[in-house]
Amino acid sequence: MWKRAFFVLALSLAPMRTFAGPCEATDSLKTELTAIDATGVATLTDGFRIRLAGIVWPDHLEPHQRKTLAAIIERATVGQVLRWKPAAGPDRWGVTPANLFVQEPDEARSPFWLQAGLVENGLTPVWPDGLGKDCLDTLAAHEGVAIRARRGIWAPRAQAARHRAVEAARDANAGRKMVALWRVRSVKPWRSMHFVNIVPSFRGGPSIGLTRKQVTALVDSGRNPAEWRGRWVVARFVLGSAGLSRIRVESISPVDVVPRRP
């Protein structure tokens, strides 16, 4: 799944809506990519060190995926005109969350947003940090294309393999960012919590705990958990020491209901 020729996407990816703000190539800065390391930090010719905003970069427990994704980005940017725009200020290590845009040398096409290409190709999931709502909504729309096609990381085998790896070494995986595509078996209220129980696809079944306040907010946003039985949801969370058996989300935004197919 990590060996898909990324440049094909650059030719076929059509804009899904008008970008706004930081994820629009307008007023971006022209640059070149000199290096990208295993952690996803890219060094630009003008000395800036950036990290792609709004996505999850493979962590140290996925060294092969890290190396392959970095190689895909290097191949995608060779011979291309690059532009970048900060998404936020630099962190304490001097790395700036940013959006990167690729422009073909003949400038026959508009620059395309690199993160959108990675996400739509199923190479990495969206993470709701570092981008404003408009950009995240756009990125989530591209992610929806990959999810519906079960492309790359969204393929059932890829999802199940990662879940098994997490459950086999819960302590080692604690603190990892995780994005999962699951089908809901049931939603059960218990005291001040609601538990979203997932259809088992490996040993046991995950469960997402939602507070009463979170459930109210979900209902108000048109995502009533009581209607989730049999539906597919995308959950974004940081793993705790309990692995997948007891998942807590800090806000409702990381829980998205996958639209039904027409």
Protein backbone atom coordinates (compact mmCIF):
# COMPACT_ATOMS: atom_id res chain seq x y z
CA MET A 1 0.00 0.00 0.00
CA TRP A 2 2.99 2.28 0.53
CA LYS A 3 4.37 1.71 -2.95
CA ARG A 4 1.66 3.48 -4.95
CA ALA A 5 3.18 5.84 -7.52
CA PHE A 6 2.37 9.17 -5.97
CA PHE A 7 2.94 11.25 -9.07
CA VAL A 8 -0.14 9.64 -10.67
CA LEU A 9 -2.23 11.26 -8.00
CA ALA A 10 -0.72 14.64 -8.76
CA LEU A 11 -2.07 14.37 -12.29
CA SER A 12 -5.51 13.07 -11.36
CA LEU A 13 -6.38 14.90 -8.15
CA ALA A 14 -9.10 17.43 -8.91
CA PRO A 15 -9.94 20.30 -6.53
CA MET A 16 -12.94 19.36 -4.35
CA ARG A 17 -13.68 22.91 -3.22
CA THR A 18 -12.06 26.32 -3.10
CA PHE A 19 -9.28 26.27 -0.54
CA ALA A 20 -9.13 29.07 1.99
CA GLY A 21 -6.45 30.52 4.20
CA PRO A 22 -3.31 28.51 4.97
CA CYS A 23 -4.22 25.61 2.67
CA GLU A 24 -4.48 27.85 -0.40
CA ALA A 25 -1.37 28.23 -2.56
CA THR A 26 -2.01 31.96 -3.07
CA ASP A 27 0.70 34.09 -1.44
CA SER A 28 2.74 30.99 -0.61
CA LEU A 29 6.54 31.08 -0.69
CA LYS A 30 8.56 29.44 -3.45
CA THR A 31 11.10 26.92 -2.20
CA GLU A 32 12.85 23.61 -2.78
CA LEU A 33 13.03 20.54 -0.60
CA THR A 34 16.58 19.61 0.37
CA ALA A 35 15.82 16.72 2.73
CA ILE A 36 13.08 14.99 4.70
CA ASP A 37 13.97 12.77 7.63
CA ALA A 38 12.30 9.71 9.14
CA THR A 39 10.31 11.84 11.59
CA GLY A 40 8.70 13.83 8.77
CA VAL A 41 10.69 17.04 9.32
CA ALA A 42 11.53 18.59 5.95
CA THR A 43 14.37 21.04 5.41
CA LEU A 44 13.85 23.76 2.80
CA THR A 45 16.50 25.58 0.79
CA ASP A 46 15.97 28.79 2.74
CA GLY A 47 16.80 27.01 5.98
CA PHE A 48 13.30 26.55 7.36
CA ARG A 49 12.41 23.22 8.94
CA ILE A 50 8.77 22.28 8.49
CA ARG A 51 6.35 19.49 9.33
CA LEU A 52 3.23 18.81 7.26
CA ALA A 53 0.22 20.04 9.23
CA GLY A 54 -3.02 18.13 9.67
CA ILE A 55 -1.74 14.58 9.16
CA VAL A 56 -0.31 11.72 11.21
CA TRP A 57 3.29 10.88 10.36
CA PRO A 58 4.22 7.22 11.07
CA ASP A 59 5.92 6.94 14.46
CA HIS A 60 9.00 5.07 15.66
CA LEU A 61 7.07 1.80 15.91
CA GLU A 62 6.48 1.92 12.14
CA PRO A 63 10.00 2.42 10.75
CA HIS A 64 9.22 0.90 7.34
CA GLN A 65 6.21 3.17 6.82
CA ARG A 66 8.27 6.18 7.89
CA LYS A 67 11.02 5.45 5.40
CA THR A 68 8.61 4.68 2.57
CA LEU A 69 6.46 7.78 3.08
CA ALA A 70 9.55 10.01 3.13
CA ALA A 71 10.73 8.38 -0.11
CA ILE A 72 7.31 8.93 -1.73
CA ILE A 73 7.42 12.63 -0.89
CA GLU A 74 10.96 12.94 -2.23
CA ARG A 75 9.94 11.33 -5.52
CA ALA A 76 6.81 13.45 -5.75
CA THR A 77 8.79 16.68 -5.39
CA VAL A 78 11.76 15.92 -7.66
CA GLY A 79 11.79 18.36 -10.58
CA GLN A 80 8.69 20.15 -9.28
CA VAL A 81 8.24 23.76 -8.25
CA LEU A 82 7.35 23.81 -4.56
CA ARG A 83 5.60 26.45 -2.51
CA TRP A 84 4.88 26.49 1.21
CA LYS A 85 2.88 28.43 3.74
CA PRO A 86 3.04 28.27 7.57
CA ALA A 87 -0.03 26.85 9.30
CA ALA A 88 1.12 27.94 12.77
CA GLY A 89 4.17 29.23 14.58
CA PRO A 90 7.27 27.07 15.12
CA ASP A 91 7.38 24.63 18.01
CA ARG A 92 10.07 24.60 20.71
CA TRP A 93 12.40 22.71 18.36
CA GLY A 94 12.04 25.35 15.67
CA VAL A 95 9.89 23.17 13.38
CA THR A 96 7.01 24.99 11.70
CA PRO A 97 3.71 23.21 10.91
CA ALA A 98 3.12 24.05 7.27
CA ASN A 99 1.26 23.32 4.08
CA LEU A 100 3.27 22.31 1.04
CA PHE A 101 2.14 22.80 -2.55
CA VAL A 102 3.52 21.20 -5.70
CA GLN A 103 3.51 23.00 -9.05
CA GLU A 104 4.42 21.23 -12.27
CA PRO A 105 7.30 22.94 -14.13
CA ASP A 106 5.16 23.92 -17.13
CA GLU A 107 2.61 25.53 -14.77
CA ALA A 108 -0.20 24.07 -16.87
CA ARG A 109 -2.05 23.02 -13.74
CA SER A 110 -2.76 24.81 -10.48
CA PRO A 111 -0.51 23.86 -7.54
CA PHE A 112 -1.92 20.94 -5.61
CA TRP A 113 -1.90 20.63 -1.84
CA LEU A 114 0.52 17.87 -0.87
CA GLN A 115 -1.35 16.87 2.29
CA ALA A 116 -4.55 16.40 0.27
CA GLY A 117 -2.69 14.12 -2.12
CA LEU A 118 -1.22 12.02 0.68
CA VAL A 119 -4.57 11.68 2.42
CA GLU A 120 -6.62 10.91 -0.69
CA ASN A 121 -4.11 8.29 -1.70
CA GLY A 122 -4.59 6.50 1.62
CA LEU A 123 -0.98 7.06 2.67
CA THR A 124 -1.72 8.81 5.97
CA PRO A 125 -4.79 9.85 7.99
CA VAL A 126 -5.97 13.30 9.03
CA TRP A 127 -5.23 14.54 12.55
CA PRO A 128 -7.32 17.48 13.85
CA ASP A 129 -4.41 19.64 15.03
CA GLY A 130 -2.50 22.39 13.30
CA LEU A 131 -5.17 23.46 10.80
CA GLY A 132 -8.28 25.61 10.97
CA LYS A 133 -11.77 24.21 10.44
CA ASP A 134 -12.03 25.09 6.74
CA CYS A 135 -8.76 23.37 5.90
CA LEU A 136 -9.60 20.35 8.07
CA ASP A 137 -13.01 20.01 6.41
CA THR A 138 -11.33 20.04 3.01
CA LEU A 139 -8.73 17.50 4.09
CA ALA A 140 -11.45 15.29 5.60
CA ALA A 141 -13.29 15.34 2.27
CA HIS A 142 -10.16 14.01 0.55
CA GLU A 143 -9.81 11.40 3.29
CA GLY A 144 -13.40 10.33 2.65
CA VAL A 145 -12.42 9.38 -0.91
CA ALA A 146 -9.72 7.04 0.43
CA ILE A 147 -12.04 5.58 3.07
CA ARG A 148 -14.82 4.79 0.60
CA ALA A 149 -12.28 3.09 -1.66
CA ARG A 150 -10.63 1.31 1.33
CA ARG A 151 -7.37 2.58 -0.07
CA GLY A 152 -3.95 2.19 1.55
CA ILE A 153 -4.13 2.45 5.35
CA TRP A 154 -7.94 2.08 5.20
CA ALA A 155 -7.83 -1.41 3.71
CA PRO A 156 -9.37 -3.97 6.12
CA ARG A 157 -6.18 -6.02 6.33
CA ALA A 158 -4.06 -2.95 7.07
CA GLN A 159 -6.45 -1.84 9.82
CA ALA A 160 -6.65 -5.30 11.40
CA ALA A 161 -2.87 -5.77 11.33
CA ARG A 162 -2.29 -2.52 13.21
CA HIS A 163 -4.99 -3.35 15.77
CA ARG A 164 -3.39 -6.72 16.47
CA ALA A 165 0.03 -5.09 16.87
CA VAL A 166 -1.39 -2.58 19.37
CA GLU A 167 -3.13 -5.22 21.46
CA ALA A 168 -0.05 -7.46 21.47
CA ALA A 169 2.07 -4.73 23.12
CA ARG A 170 -0.18 -2.24 24.91
CA ASP A 171 2.51 -0.63 27.04
CA ALA A 172 4.83 -0.06 24.07
CA ASN A 173 2.01 1.54 22.10
CA ALA A 174 0.76 3.86 24.85
CA GLY A 175 0.92 7.49 23.77
CA ARG A 176 0.64 6.75 20.04
CA LYS A 177 -1.73 8.67 17.80
CA MET A 178 -4.23 6.23 16.34
CA VAL A 179 -6.87 6.60 13.64
CA ALA A 180 -9.24 3.69 13.12
CA LEU A 181 -12.18 2.85 10.86
CA TRP A 182 -14.71 0.78 12.80
CA ARG A 183 -18.28 -0.47 12.49
CA VAL A 184 -20.44 0.13 15.55
CA ARG A 185 -22.03 -2.89 17.20
CA SER A 186 -23.97 -1.01 19.89
CA VAL A 187 -24.09 2.16 21.97
CA LYS A 188 -24.80 1.56 25.66
CA PRO A 189 -25.39 4.19 28.35
CA TRP A 190 -23.87 3.47 31.76
CA ARG A 191 -23.97 5.96 34.62
CA SER A 192 -22.44 9.21 33.32
CA MET A 193 -20.92 7.57 30.22
CA HIS A 194 -21.99 6.16 26.87
CA PHE A 195 -19.92 3.30 25.45
CA VAL A 196 -19.65 2.88 21.69
CA ASN A 197 -18.90 -0.81 21.24
CA ILE A 198 -17.17 -1.88 18.06
CA VAL A 199 -17.77 -5.04 16.02
CA PRO A 200 -14.81 -7.33 16.80
CA SER A 201 -12.43 -7.92 13.88
CA PHE A 202 -9.68 -9.48 15.98
CA ARG A 203 -9.36 -10.61 19.61
CA GLY A 204 -12.03 -8.73 21.51
CA GLY A 205 -13.73 -5.53 20.43
CA PRO A 206 -12.73 -1.91 21.09
CA SER A 207 -14.97 0.42 23.06
CA ILE A 208 -15.04 4.23 22.93
CA GLY A 209 -16.17 6.02 26.08
CA LEU A 210 -18.13 9.25 25.65
CA THR A 211 -19.14 11.55 28.50
CA ARG A 212 -22.70 12.81 28.80
CA LYS A 213 -21.49 16.25 27.73
CA GLN A 214 -19.83 14.81 24.62
CA VAL A 215 -22.99 12.90 23.70
CA THR A 216 -25.05 16.08 24.02
CA ALA A 217 -22.61 17.94 21.79
CA LEU A 218 -22.72 15.13 19.21
CA VAL A 219 -26.53 15.19 19.17
CA ASP A 220 -26.50 18.97 18.75
CA SER A 221 -24.11 18.61 15.79
CA GLY A 222 -26.37 16.09 14.06
CA ARG A 223 -24.27 13.02 14.98
CA ASN A 224 -26.50 11.24 17.50
CA PRO A 225 -24.62 8.17 18.82
CA ALA A 226 -27.95 6.41 19.37
CA GLU A 227 -28.19 6.15 15.57
CA TRP A 228 -24.71 4.69 15.05
CA ARG A 229 -25.54 1.00 15.29
CA GLY A 230 -24.29 -0.68 12.12
CA ARG A 231 -22.63 2.54 10.92
CA TRP A 232 -18.94 3.06 10.20
CA VAL A 233 -17.10 5.65 12.27
CA VAL A 234 -13.59 7.08 12.15
CA ALA A 235 -12.06 7.50 15.60
CA ARG A 236 -8.91 9.56 16.27
CA PHE A 237 -7.35 9.16 19.70
CA VAL A 238 -4.14 8.79 21.68
CA LEU A 239 -3.68 5.25 22.98
CA GLY A 240 -3.59 4.68 26.71
CA SER A 241 -2.14 1.76 28.67
CA ALA A 242 -5.43 -0.14 28.29
CA GLY A 243 -4.94 -0.38 24.54
CA LEU A 244 -8.14 -0.52 22.50
CA SER A 245 -10.37 -1.91 25.25
CA ARG A 246 -11.03 1.47 26.90
CA ILE A 247 -10.66 4.46 24.60
CA ARG A 248 -11.32 8.04 25.67
CA VAL A 249 -11.54 11.03 23.34
CA GLU A 250 -10.98 14.54 24.66
CA SER A 251 -13.46 16.16 22.28
CA ILE A 252 -16.17 15.12 19.84
CA SER A 253 -14.32 16.34 16.75
CA PRO A 254 -12.16 13.19 16.44
CA VAL A 255 -15.28 11.00 16.01
CA ASP A 256 -16.69 11.15 12.47
CA VAL A 257 -19.55 9.12 11.05
CA VAL A 258 -18.80 7.84 7.55
CA PRO A 259 -21.63 8.90 5.19
CA ARG A 260 -23.74 6.09 3.79
CA ARG A 261 -23.02 5.18 0.21
CA PRO A 262 -25.67 6.43 -2.23
